Amino acid sequence: MVDDAPSLSASPSVTTALKHAPLGIAIFDRQMRYLAASRQYLTDQGLPADLPLLGQRHYDVFPEIPQHWRDLHARVLAEGVELHNNDGDRYVDRRGQVDWIRWSMAPWRTDDGAIGGLVLYTEVVTGTVEARMRLEAAEARYRAVFDQAAMGVARVSPDGGLLEMNDRFCAIARRDRDVLLGGRLQDILQADDPGAEAVPVEALLSGAVESASAERRIAAGTDGVVWIHLTASRVQLGDEPAYLVVIISDITPRKQVESDQQHYQGQLRLLINELNHRVKNTLATVQSMAAQTLKTEPDSTVAFEKFESRLLGLSQVHDVLTRESWHGAGLREVAERALAPFIEVGGRMAIEGPPVWLQPGGALTMALIFHELATNALKYGALSTEGGRVELGWSYAPETRALRLTWVEAGGPPVASPTRRGFGSRLIERSLRGELKGAATMEYRPDGLVCAMEATLSAPVEASAAPGA
């Protein structure tokens, strides 16, 4: 005590208890001079246990005490209020060490009720506060990752209940958060998904496996079906019940590419099979053309020219089919390609008819037929004279897939029925009957040949809807 300090009477037992109290306790007069202090107080402040504090002013011993604490001391002494901080207040001591102090302060009063000073209780809680701060930082990082993750993240209870999810999860699931919360993960996965990969929930919860993944589909309302890659992991924190962390990513674009590739591979196999079939048929046609040409024409030079001309007509349509990836060809282009060499030789030719799309076999057949008709017209018919002309026309009935064609020659030399059927006539009739399930009739009018042909197309596809049309 100092001479002008107010008296704070205490029994020896109280003084002893104060010294050995487990908390930091200091008693001050109104001038903030020490009247008593516990050993724990000295220890917390890093002071020797036998340091003579009595009578010394608090702010002289600890000049680093921040102003806001000084203001609190003054308020207690002036107003007689009790103040405290249970969370911990940051304090930097004279050595620069940072501690967190939990404190409370209250006035003590003299016998006449006047405020004689204050009692300060302190506890160093640096370890507790720093642990709490680390936990809060970890939770903040977790929340930042959870909320801002590029993939959908959700916490799922053992029974499949959705406890929490980020915005990306809601976006992928195509559902509002209010709809998802309280629902079940199984509710958004397609239950009737054929070949769906199961998520081993029981094995995860029991710890038999640490994580599992699967590719599943989500019914996304008006958006159709969304493919997701789902990964589930078990989380166990202390004695709390285990739960699952489910991460989903939208793999719809990849699945679409895979589907397109499978479709393409199927189309490619179909194309190869069709091409093999067509090549065999074409070779058989070439073989038949060669045999018939050589059989009916004794002059080898003439036979070669005929055979070469027929091959040229066949190759023109092959160009069209190759360009269209052998999906077929338009009847008009087939006619123009097959008849182009004859139009250049001389004569006039008109081609008229609606758009009609032919399958590959039908395109090759019609090309050979047009070539044979034009060859005969050039040698014996309308195209053999300057004033002759040919009109090729057709009609098509989509409902019955019936195709009718007419080849009309006029302005050429007088014609008469042949005494025998040549290769050209047989090729036309046989080709129409075999590939197009049709027939042909030849009418040898005095002013020119009229060939009427009928065919039934194998597929009701119009040129406007066909590839490359």
Protein backbone atom coordinates (compact mmCIF):
# COMPACT_ATOMS: atom_id res chain seq x y z
CA MET A 1 0.00 0.00 0.00
CA VAL A 2 1.01 3.64 -0.47
CA ASP A 3 0.24 6.48 1.87
CA ASP A 4 -2.57 8.10 -0.17
CA ALA A 5 -4.14 4.84 -1.37
CA PRO A 6 -7.57 4.03 0.00
CA SER A 7 -7.70 1.17 2.43
CA LEU A 8 -8.83 -2.23 1.17
CA SER A 9 -8.97 -4.42 4.22
CA ALA A 10 -8.57 -8.15 3.71
CA SER A 11 -7.94 -11.02 6.12
CA PRO A 12 -4.77 -13.09 5.82
CA SER A 13 -6.81 -15.98 4.44
CA VAL A 14 -8.24 -13.76 1.70
CA THR A 15 -4.74 -12.49 0.83
CA THR A 16 -3.46 -16.07 0.68
CA ALA A 17 -6.38 -17.14 -1.50
CA LEU A 18 -5.75 -14.20 -3.81
CA LYS A 19 -2.09 -15.11 -4.26
CA HIS A 20 -2.90 -18.71 -5.13
CA ALA A 21 -5.97 -18.05 -7.32
CA PRO A 22 -5.83 -19.90 -10.69
CA LEU A 23 -6.77 -16.70 -12.50
CA GLY A 24 -4.92 -13.48 -13.02
CA ILE A 25 -6.36 -11.06 -10.46
CA ALA A 26 -5.19 -7.52 -9.78
CA ILE A 27 -6.72 -4.93 -7.43
CA PHE A 28 -6.21 -1.22 -8.07
CA ASP A 29 -7.09 2.03 -6.35
CA ARG A 30 -8.71 4.95 -8.13
CA GLN A 31 -5.34 6.05 -9.56
CA MET A 32 -4.83 2.53 -10.97
CA ARG A 33 -2.10 1.79 -8.43
CA TYR A 34 -1.64 -1.84 -7.44
CA LEU A 35 -3.09 -2.87 -4.10
CA ALA A 36 -2.72 -6.62 -4.65
CA ALA A 37 -2.07 -9.17 -7.41
CA SER A 38 -2.21 -12.96 -7.74
CA ARG A 39 0.81 -15.03 -8.67
CA GLN A 40 -1.02 -16.22 -11.82
CA TYR A 41 -1.39 -12.57 -12.85
CA LEU A 42 2.38 -12.09 -12.61
CA THR A 43 3.02 -15.35 -14.45
CA ASP A 44 0.62 -14.41 -17.25
CA GLN A 45 2.42 -11.08 -17.63
CA GLY A 46 5.81 -12.72 -17.68
CA LEU A 47 6.86 -11.03 -14.42
CA PRO A 48 8.83 -12.52 -11.49
CA ALA A 49 6.63 -13.88 -8.70
CA ASP A 50 8.38 -11.67 -6.08
CA LEU A 51 8.17 -8.45 -8.09
CA PRO A 52 7.10 -5.59 -5.75
CA LEU A 53 4.02 -4.20 -7.56
CA LEU A 54 2.20 -2.67 -4.62
CA GLY A 55 1.93 1.09 -4.97
CA GLN A 56 3.13 1.14 -8.57
CA ARG A 57 0.88 2.62 -11.20
CA HIS A 58 -0.47 0.07 -13.67
CA TYR A 59 0.36 2.19 -16.72
CA ASP A 60 3.96 2.71 -15.53
CA VAL A 61 4.49 -1.03 -15.24
CA PHE A 62 2.79 -1.69 -18.60
CA PRO A 63 3.17 1.43 -20.77
CA GLU A 64 2.08 -0.58 -23.83
CA ILE A 65 -1.47 -0.96 -22.52
CA PRO A 66 -3.73 0.23 -25.41
CA GLN A 67 -5.85 3.31 -25.03
CA HIS A 68 -9.16 1.47 -25.35
CA TRP A 69 -8.35 -0.53 -22.21
CA ARG A 70 -7.41 2.67 -20.37
CA ASP A 71 -10.77 4.12 -21.38
CA LEU A 72 -12.54 1.05 -19.99
CA HIS A 73 -10.70 1.38 -16.67
CA ALA A 74 -11.75 5.04 -16.43
CA ARG A 75 -15.37 4.14 -17.19
CA VAL A 76 -15.51 1.53 -14.42
CA LEU A 77 -14.03 3.99 -11.93
CA ALA A 78 -16.34 6.80 -13.00
CA GLU A 79 -19.60 4.94 -13.52
CA GLY A 80 -19.22 1.90 -11.28
CA VAL A 81 -20.19 -0.48 -14.09
CA GLU A 82 -18.92 -4.02 -14.61
CA LEU A 83 -17.35 -4.85 -17.99
CA HIS A 84 -16.07 -8.07 -19.55
CA ASN A 85 -14.85 -9.71 -22.73
CA ASN A 86 -15.36 -13.46 -22.89
CA ASP A 87 -14.12 -14.03 -26.45
CA GLY A 88 -10.58 -12.75 -25.93
CA ASP A 89 -9.02 -9.36 -26.61
CA ARG A 90 -5.84 -9.00 -28.63
CA TYR A 91 -2.88 -7.69 -26.61
CA VAL A 92 0.70 -7.00 -27.76
CA ASP A 93 3.11 -6.92 -24.80
CA ARG A 94 6.35 -5.02 -24.44
CA ARG A 95 8.26 -7.85 -26.12
CA GLY A 96 6.05 -7.73 -29.18
CA GLN A 97 4.38 -11.03 -28.34
CA VAL A 98 0.72 -11.27 -29.25
CA ASP A 99 -1.65 -12.80 -26.72
CA TRP A 100 -5.37 -13.04 -26.46
CA ILE A 101 -6.79 -12.07 -23.03
CA ARG A 102 -10.20 -12.84 -21.65
CA TRP A 103 -10.95 -10.24 -19.00
CA SER A 104 -13.57 -8.73 -16.73
CA MET A 105 -13.39 -5.69 -14.44
CA ALA A 106 -15.62 -4.43 -11.65
CA PRO A 107 -15.42 -1.64 -9.07
CA TRP A 108 -14.76 -2.27 -5.37
CA ARG A 109 -16.31 0.05 -2.83
CA THR A 110 -15.28 1.52 0.55
CA ASP A 111 -17.29 1.19 3.75
CA ASP A 112 -19.22 4.33 2.89
CA GLY A 113 -20.15 2.96 -0.59
CA ALA A 114 -17.76 5.09 -2.59
CA ILE A 115 -15.82 3.55 -5.50
CA GLY A 116 -12.40 2.80 -4.08
CA GLY A 117 -10.89 1.29 -7.24
CA LEU A 118 -11.38 -1.72 -9.51
CA VAL A 119 -10.69 -5.43 -9.56
CA LEU A 120 -9.30 -6.85 -12.80
CA TYR A 121 -9.65 -10.53 -13.68
CA THR A 122 -7.57 -11.83 -16.63
CA GLU A 123 -7.05 -15.18 -18.35
CA VAL A 124 -4.67 -15.86 -21.21
CA VAL A 125 -6.69 -17.75 -23.85
CA THR A 126 -4.25 -17.43 -26.76
CA GLY A 127 -4.29 -21.17 -27.54
CA THR A 128 -8.07 -21.34 -27.52
CA VAL A 129 -8.52 -18.23 -29.64
CA GLU A 130 -5.90 -19.27 -32.17
CA ALA A 131 -7.50 -22.71 -32.44
CA ARG A 132 -10.86 -21.05 -32.99
CA MET A 133 -9.38 -18.74 -35.60
CA ARG A 134 -7.81 -21.68 -37.42
CA LEU A 135 -11.14 -23.46 -37.40
CA GLU A 136 -12.94 -20.37 -38.68
CA ALA A 137 -10.34 -19.94 -41.43
CA ALA A 138 -10.70 -23.59 -42.39
CA GLU A 139 -14.46 -23.24 -42.45
CA ALA A 140 -14.15 -20.10 -44.57
CA ARG A 141 -11.89 -21.92 -47.03
CA TYR A 142 -14.27 -24.85 -47.08
CA ARG A 143 -17.20 -22.54 -47.70
CA ALA A 144 -15.36 -20.72 -50.47
CA VAL A 145 -14.47 -24.01 -52.17
CA PHE A 146 -17.96 -25.42 -51.59
CA ASP A 147 -19.79 -22.39 -52.91
CA GLN A 148 -17.46 -21.45 -55.78
CA ALA A 149 -16.49 -24.92 -57.02
CA ALA A 150 -16.85 -25.41 -60.76
CA MET A 151 -18.57 -28.74 -60.07
CA GLY A 152 -21.75 -29.45 -58.17
CA VAL A 153 -21.14 -30.36 -54.51
CA ALA A 154 -23.68 -31.60 -51.97
CA ARG A 155 -23.77 -33.13 -48.49
CA VAL A 156 -25.99 -36.19 -48.39
CA SER A 157 -27.29 -38.00 -45.33
CA PRO A 158 -26.99 -41.80 -45.00
CA ASP A 159 -30.57 -42.23 -46.20
CA GLY A 160 -29.92 -40.13 -49.30
CA GLY A 161 -31.36 -36.84 -48.03
CA LEU A 162 -29.86 -33.70 -49.55
CA LEU A 163 -28.59 -31.57 -46.64
CA GLU A 164 -26.68 -28.85 -48.45
CA MET A 165 -25.57 -28.04 -51.98
CA ASN A 166 -23.81 -25.28 -53.88
CA ASP A 167 -25.19 -23.20 -56.74
CA ARG A 168 -23.46 -25.33 -59.39
CA PHE A 169 -25.20 -28.46 -58.10
CA CYS A 170 -28.57 -26.72 -58.49
CA ALA A 171 -27.65 -25.58 -62.01
CA ILE A 172 -26.59 -29.07 -63.15
CA ALA A 173 -29.66 -30.67 -61.57
CA ARG A 174 -31.86 -28.02 -63.25
CA ARG A 175 -33.72 -27.48 -59.95
CA ASP A 176 -34.08 -24.69 -57.40
CA ARG A 177 -32.37 -25.06 -54.03
CA ASP A 178 -35.71 -24.97 -52.21
CA VAL A 179 -36.86 -27.96 -54.24
CA LEU A 180 -33.66 -29.94 -53.62
CA LEU A 181 -33.34 -29.30 -49.88
CA GLY A 182 -35.22 -31.94 -47.96
CA GLY A 183 -35.43 -34.16 -51.02
CA ARG A 184 -33.39 -37.24 -51.79
CA LEU A 185 -30.53 -37.77 -54.21
CA GLN A 186 -32.36 -40.78 -55.63
CA ASP A 187 -35.26 -38.50 -56.60
CA ILE A 188 -33.24 -36.65 -59.23
CA LEU A 189 -31.55 -39.73 -60.71
CA GLN A 190 -33.45 -41.62 -63.38
CA ALA A 191 -34.66 -44.80 -61.75
CA ASP A 192 -35.45 -46.54 -65.06
CA ASP A 193 -32.05 -45.77 -66.57
CA PRO A 194 -31.07 -48.94 -68.49
CA GLY A 195 -27.62 -50.15 -67.54
CA ALA A 196 -27.25 -47.41 -64.90
CA GLU A 197 -24.21 -47.74 -62.65
CA ALA A 198 -25.21 -48.19 -59.01
CA VAL A 199 -23.67 -46.13 -56.20
CA PRO A 200 -22.63 -48.50 -53.34
CA VAL A 201 -24.06 -46.37 -50.51
CA GLU A 202 -23.94 -49.11 -47.88
CA ALA A 203 -20.32 -49.95 -48.68
CA LEU A 204 -19.42 -46.26 -48.43
CA LEU A 205 -21.15 -45.73 -45.10
CA SER A 206 -19.61 -48.86 -43.61
CA GLY A 207 -16.13 -47.78 -44.68
CA ALA A 208 -15.66 -50.79 -46.96
CA VAL A 209 -14.82 -48.37 -49.78
CA GLU A 210 -13.56 -44.81 -49.48
CA SER A 211 -15.17 -43.43 -52.62
CA ALA A 212 -17.19 -44.53 -55.62
CA SER A 213 -18.14 -43.02 -58.94
CA ALA A 214 -20.78 -43.61 -61.59
CA GLU A 215 -22.25 -42.06 -64.72
CA ARG A 216 -25.97 -41.44 -64.38
CA ARG A 217 -28.72 -39.48 -66.03
CA ILE A 218 -30.89 -36.74 -64.53
CA ALA A 219 -34.39 -36.00 -65.75
CA ALA A 220 -34.10 -32.26 -66.39
CA GLY A 221 -37.67 -31.37 -67.35
CA THR A 222 -37.84 -29.25 -70.49
CA ASP A 223 -34.07 -29.57 -70.89
CA GLY A 224 -34.44 -33.28 -71.56
CA VAL A 225 -31.85 -35.58 -70.03
CA VAL A 226 -28.59 -34.44 -68.44
CA TRP A 227 -25.72 -36.89 -68.12
CA ILE A 228 -23.61 -36.50 -64.96
CA HIS A 229 -20.44 -38.03 -63.59
CA LEU A 230 -21.06 -38.63 -59.88
CA THR A 231 -18.42 -39.22 -57.20
CA ALA A 232 -19.41 -40.00 -53.61
CA SER A 233 -17.08 -40.05 -50.59
CA ARG A 234 -17.71 -40.84 -46.92
CA VAL A 235 -16.96 -38.21 -44.26
CA GLN A 236 -16.71 -39.04 -40.55
CA LEU A 237 -16.00 -36.26 -38.02
CA GLY A 238 -15.44 -37.53 -34.50
CA ASP A 239 -18.51 -39.11 -32.99
CA GLU A 240 -20.88 -37.38 -35.39
CA PRO A 241 -22.87 -39.55 -37.82
CA ALA A 242 -21.16 -40.18 -41.14
CA TYR A 243 -22.42 -38.46 -44.24
CA LEU A 244 -21.56 -38.45 -47.93
CA VAL A 245 -20.03 -35.70 -50.02
CA VAL A 246 -21.35 -36.03 -53.56
CA ILE A 247 -19.64 -34.22 -56.45
CA ILE A 248 -21.31 -34.10 -59.85
CA SER A 249 -20.17 -32.72 -63.22
CA ASP A 250 -22.17 -32.25 -66.41
CA ILE A 251 -20.88 -34.67 -69.06
CA THR A 252 -23.79 -34.27 -71.46
CA PRO A 253 -21.60 -32.83 -74.27
CA ARG A 254 -19.18 -35.77 -73.99
CA LYS A 255 -22.04 -38.26 -74.04
CA GLN A 256 -23.49 -36.53 -77.09
CA VAL A 257 -20.14 -36.83 -78.86
CA GLU A 258 -19.95 -40.52 -77.93
CA SER A 259 -23.47 -41.05 -79.23
CA ASP A 260 -22.63 -39.22 -82.45
CA GLN A 261 -19.50 -41.33 -82.84
CA GLN A 262 -21.47 -44.55 -82.35
CA HIS A 263 -24.02 -43.37 -84.90
CA TYR A 264 -21.21 -42.43 -87.27
CA GLN A 265 -19.54 -45.82 -86.81
CA GLY A 266 -22.86 -47.51 -87.52
CA GLN A 267 -23.35 -45.39 -90.62
CA LEU A 268 -19.79 -46.13 -91.70
CA ARG A 269 -20.29 -49.89 -91.33
CA LEU A 270 -23.55 -49.62 -93.26
CA LEU A 271 -21.82 -47.57 -95.95
CA ILE A 272 -18.97 -50.06 -96.26
CA ASN A 273 -21.40 -52.97 -96.52
CA GLU A 274 -23.46 -51.08 -99.08
CA LEU A 275 -20.33 -50.14 -101.00
CA ASN A 276 -19.14 -53.74 -101.04
CA HIS A 277 -22.54 -54.81 -102.31
CA ARG A 278 -22.59 -52.10 -104.97
CA VAL A 279 -19.06 -52.83 -106.13
CA LYS A 280 -19.93 -56.48 -106.59
CA ASN A 281 -23.08 -55.55 -108.51
CA THR A 282 -21.18 -53.02 -110.62
CA LEU A 283 -18.52 -55.59 -111.47
CA ALA A 284 -21.24 -58.05 -112.42
CA THR A 285 -22.83 -55.37 -114.63
CA VAL A 286 -19.49 -54.61 -116.27
CA GLN A 287 -18.91 -58.31 -116.82
CA SER A 288 -22.35 -58.65 -118.44
CA MET A 289 -21.78 -55.57 -120.59
CA ALA A 290 -18.45 -56.89 -121.79
CA ALA A 291 -19.84 -60.34 -122.57
CA GLN A 292 -22.89 -59.01 -124.46
CA THR A 293 -20.91 -56.36 -126.35
CA LEU A 294 -18.26 -58.80 -127.51
CA LYS A 295 -20.87 -61.43 -128.32
CA THR A 296 -23.05 -59.18 -130.50
CA GLU A 297 -20.32 -57.13 -132.22
CA PRO A 298 -17.82 -59.04 -134.36
CA ASP A 299 -15.67 -55.99 -135.08
CA SER A 300 -13.27 -55.66 -132.15
CA THR A 301 -12.70 -51.92 -132.70
CA VAL A 302 -16.42 -51.19 -132.69
CA ALA A 303 -16.93 -53.50 -129.73
CA PHE A 304 -14.24 -51.64 -127.79
CA GLU A 305 -15.83 -48.26 -128.56
CA LYS A 306 -19.24 -49.47 -127.44
CA PHE A 307 -17.90 -50.99 -124.26
CA GLU A 308 -15.87 -47.89 -123.46
CA SER A 309 -18.89 -45.64 -124.02
CA ARG A 310 -21.03 -47.73 -121.70
CA LEU A 311 -18.34 -47.67 -119.01
CA LEU A 312 -18.16 -43.88 -119.32
CA GLY A 313 -21.87 -43.54 -118.65
CA LEU A 314 -21.52 -45.77 -115.61
CA SER A 315 -18.59 -43.77 -114.27
CA GLN A 316 -20.48 -40.46 -114.54
CA VAL A 317 -23.07 -41.66 -112.05
CA HIS A 318 -20.36 -43.13 -109.81
CA ASP A 319 -19.02 -39.59 -109.51
CA VAL A 320 -22.39 -38.39 -108.25
CA LEU A 321 -22.72 -41.26 -105.77
CA THR A 322 -19.21 -40.75 -104.46
CA ARG A 323 -19.93 -37.07 -103.86
CA GLU A 324 -23.07 -37.99 -101.94
CA SER A 325 -21.19 -40.64 -99.87
CA TRP A 326 -23.23 -43.29 -101.67
CA HIS A 327 -26.48 -42.20 -100.04
CA GLY A 328 -28.03 -41.93 -103.52
CA ALA A 329 -28.49 -39.33 -106.25
CA GLY A 330 -31.12 -37.09 -107.77
CA LEU A 331 -32.80 -38.44 -110.91
CA ARG A 332 -32.24 -35.19 -112.84
CA GLU A 333 -28.50 -35.17 -112.15
CA VAL A 334 -28.26 -38.86 -113.06
CA ALA A 335 -29.94 -38.12 -116.39
CA GLU A 336 -27.81 -35.04 -117.10
CA ARG A 337 -24.57 -36.86 -116.25
CA ALA A 338 -25.43 -39.97 -118.28
CA LEU A 339 -26.65 -37.98 -121.30
CA ALA A 340 -23.99 -35.23 -121.27
CA PRO A 341 -21.71 -36.89 -123.90
CA PHE A 342 -24.62 -37.31 -126.32
CA ILE A 343 -25.86 -33.78 -125.91
CA GLU A 344 -22.39 -32.57 -126.88
CA VAL A 345 -22.31 -34.77 -129.99
CA GLY A 346 -25.33 -33.16 -131.57
CA GLY A 347 -29.09 -32.91 -131.51
CA ARG A 348 -31.33 -31.37 -128.92
CA MET A 349 -32.56 -32.89 -125.70
CA ALA A 350 -35.14 -31.75 -123.11
CA ILE A 351 -35.24 -33.15 -119.58
CA GLU A 352 -38.29 -32.46 -117.43
CA GLY A 353 -39.64 -33.94 -114.21
CA PRO A 354 -40.15 -33.32 -110.46
CA PRO A 355 -37.36 -33.88 -107.90
CA VAL A 356 -36.89 -37.58 -107.21
CA TRP A 357 -34.18 -39.14 -105.09
CA LEU A 358 -32.82 -42.54 -106.11
CA GLN A 359 -31.07 -45.10 -103.97
CA PRO A 360 -27.54 -46.04 -105.22
CA GLY A 361 -28.70 -49.14 -107.07
CA GLY A 362 -31.53 -47.26 -108.75
CA ALA A 363 -29.19 -44.44 -109.78
CA LEU A 364 -26.76 -46.82 -111.48
CA THR A 365 -29.62 -48.66 -113.21
CA MET A 366 -31.16 -45.47 -114.60
CA ALA A 367 -27.74 -44.26 -115.75
CA LEU A 368 -27.19 -47.44 -117.76
CA ILE A 369 -30.72 -47.23 -119.22
CA PHE A 370 -30.33 -43.58 -120.27
CA HIS A 371 -26.94 -44.38 -121.78
CA GLU A 372 -28.35 -47.25 -123.83
CA LEU A 373 -31.30 -45.20 -125.09
CA ALA A 374 -29.01 -42.30 -126.04
CA THR A 375 -26.55 -44.62 -127.80
CA ASN A 376 -29.31 -46.09 -129.94
CA ALA A 377 -30.69 -42.59 -130.66
CA LEU A 378 -27.25 -41.42 -131.76
CA LYS A 379 -26.70 -44.41 -134.07
CA TYR A 380 -30.16 -45.04 -135.46
CA GLY A 381 -32.64 -42.52 -134.06
CA ALA A 382 -33.33 -38.87 -133.42
CA LEU A 383 -29.79 -37.89 -132.42
CA SER A 384 -28.37 -39.20 -135.70
CA THR A 385 -29.70 -36.17 -137.63
CA GLU A 386 -29.36 -32.45 -137.19
CA GLY A 387 -33.07 -31.82 -136.74
CA GLY A 388 -33.81 -34.63 -134.32
CA ARG A 389 -34.64 -34.16 -130.69
CA VAL A 390 -35.33 -36.23 -127.60
CA GLU A 391 -37.68 -35.48 -124.70
CA LEU A 392 -37.12 -37.28 -121.39
CA GLY A 393 -39.83 -36.76 -118.79
CA TRP A 394 -41.12 -38.44 -115.67
CA SER A 395 -43.77 -38.27 -112.96
CA TYR A 396 -43.62 -39.51 -109.39
CA ALA A 397 -46.39 -40.46 -106.93
CA PRO A 398 -44.95 -40.24 -103.40
CA GLU A 399 -47.85 -42.12 -101.80
CA THR A 400 -47.24 -45.23 -103.94
CA ARG A 401 -43.57 -44.50 -104.77
CA ALA A 402 -44.44 -45.14 -108.41
CA LEU A 403 -42.07 -43.59 -110.95
CA ARG A 404 -43.08 -43.33 -114.62
CA LEU A 405 -40.63 -42.23 -117.31
CA THR A 406 -41.01 -41.64 -121.03
CA TRP A 407 -38.28 -41.36 -123.65
CA VAL A 408 -39.69 -39.80 -126.81
CA GLU A 409 -37.68 -39.33 -130.00
CA ALA A 410 -38.76 -37.14 -132.91
CA GLY A 411 -37.29 -35.59 -136.06
CA GLY A 412 -34.99 -38.48 -136.84
CA PRO A 413 -35.02 -41.02 -139.68
CA PRO A 414 -37.99 -43.35 -140.00
CA VAL A 415 -37.73 -46.29 -137.60
CA ALA A 416 -39.06 -49.81 -137.73
CA SER A 417 -39.32 -52.61 -135.22
CA PRO A 418 -36.04 -54.55 -135.04
CA THR A 419 -35.97 -58.13 -136.24
CA ARG A 420 -34.22 -59.23 -133.02
CA ARG A 421 -33.87 -57.87 -129.50
CA GLY A 422 -30.46 -56.38 -128.93
CA PHE A 423 -28.36 -56.08 -125.82
CA GLY A 424 -29.68 -52.59 -125.07
CA SER A 425 -33.31 -53.72 -124.95
CA ARG A 426 -32.46 -56.68 -122.77
CA LEU A 427 -30.36 -54.48 -120.42
CA ILE A 428 -33.21 -52.00 -120.00
CA GLU A 429 -35.83 -54.62 -119.28
CA ARG A 430 -33.61 -56.72 -117.01
CA SER A 431 -32.34 -53.71 -115.03
CA LEU A 432 -35.79 -52.28 -114.44
CA ARG A 433 -37.19 -55.63 -113.44
CA GLY A 434 -34.36 -56.50 -111.04
CA GLU A 435 -33.37 -53.28 -109.26
CA LEU A 436 -36.49 -51.13 -109.54
CA LYS A 437 -39.25 -53.77 -109.73
CA GLY A 438 -40.44 -52.22 -112.96
CA ALA A 439 -40.91 -52.84 -116.66
CA ALA A 440 -40.35 -51.14 -120.03
CA THR A 441 -42.21 -51.08 -123.31
CA MET A 442 -40.71 -50.05 -126.65
CA GLU A 443 -42.96 -48.49 -129.29
CA TYR A 444 -41.32 -47.90 -132.70
CA ARG A 445 -43.41 -45.14 -134.20
CA PRO A 446 -42.68 -43.83 -137.72
CA ASP A 447 -41.46 -40.49 -136.34
CA GLY A 448 -39.33 -42.02 -133.60
CA LEU A 449 -38.93 -44.42 -130.69
CA VAL A 450 -41.09 -44.08 -127.57
CA CYS A 451 -39.88 -45.98 -124.50
CA ALA A 452 -42.27 -46.05 -121.51
CA MET A 453 -40.78 -47.21 -118.22
CA GLU A 454 -42.31 -47.88 -114.82
CA ALA A 455 -40.48 -48.39 -111.53
CA THR A 456 -41.18 -48.57 -107.80
CA LEU A 457 -38.66 -46.81 -105.61
CA SER A 458 -37.44 -48.61 -102.51
CA ALA A 459 -37.69 -45.62 -100.16
CA PRO A 460 -40.15 -42.67 -100.19
CA VAL A 461 -37.42 -40.03 -100.10
CA GLU A 462 -37.81 -36.82 -102.05
CA ALA A 463 -34.78 -35.00 -103.40
CA SER A 464 -35.52 -32.00 -101.17
CA ALA A 465 -35.00 -34.16 -98.08
CA ALA A 466 -32.00 -36.10 -99.29
CA PRO A 467 -28.38 -35.41 -98.40
CA GLY A 468 -26.72 -33.08 -100.86
CA ALA A 469 -29.95 -32.45 -102.76
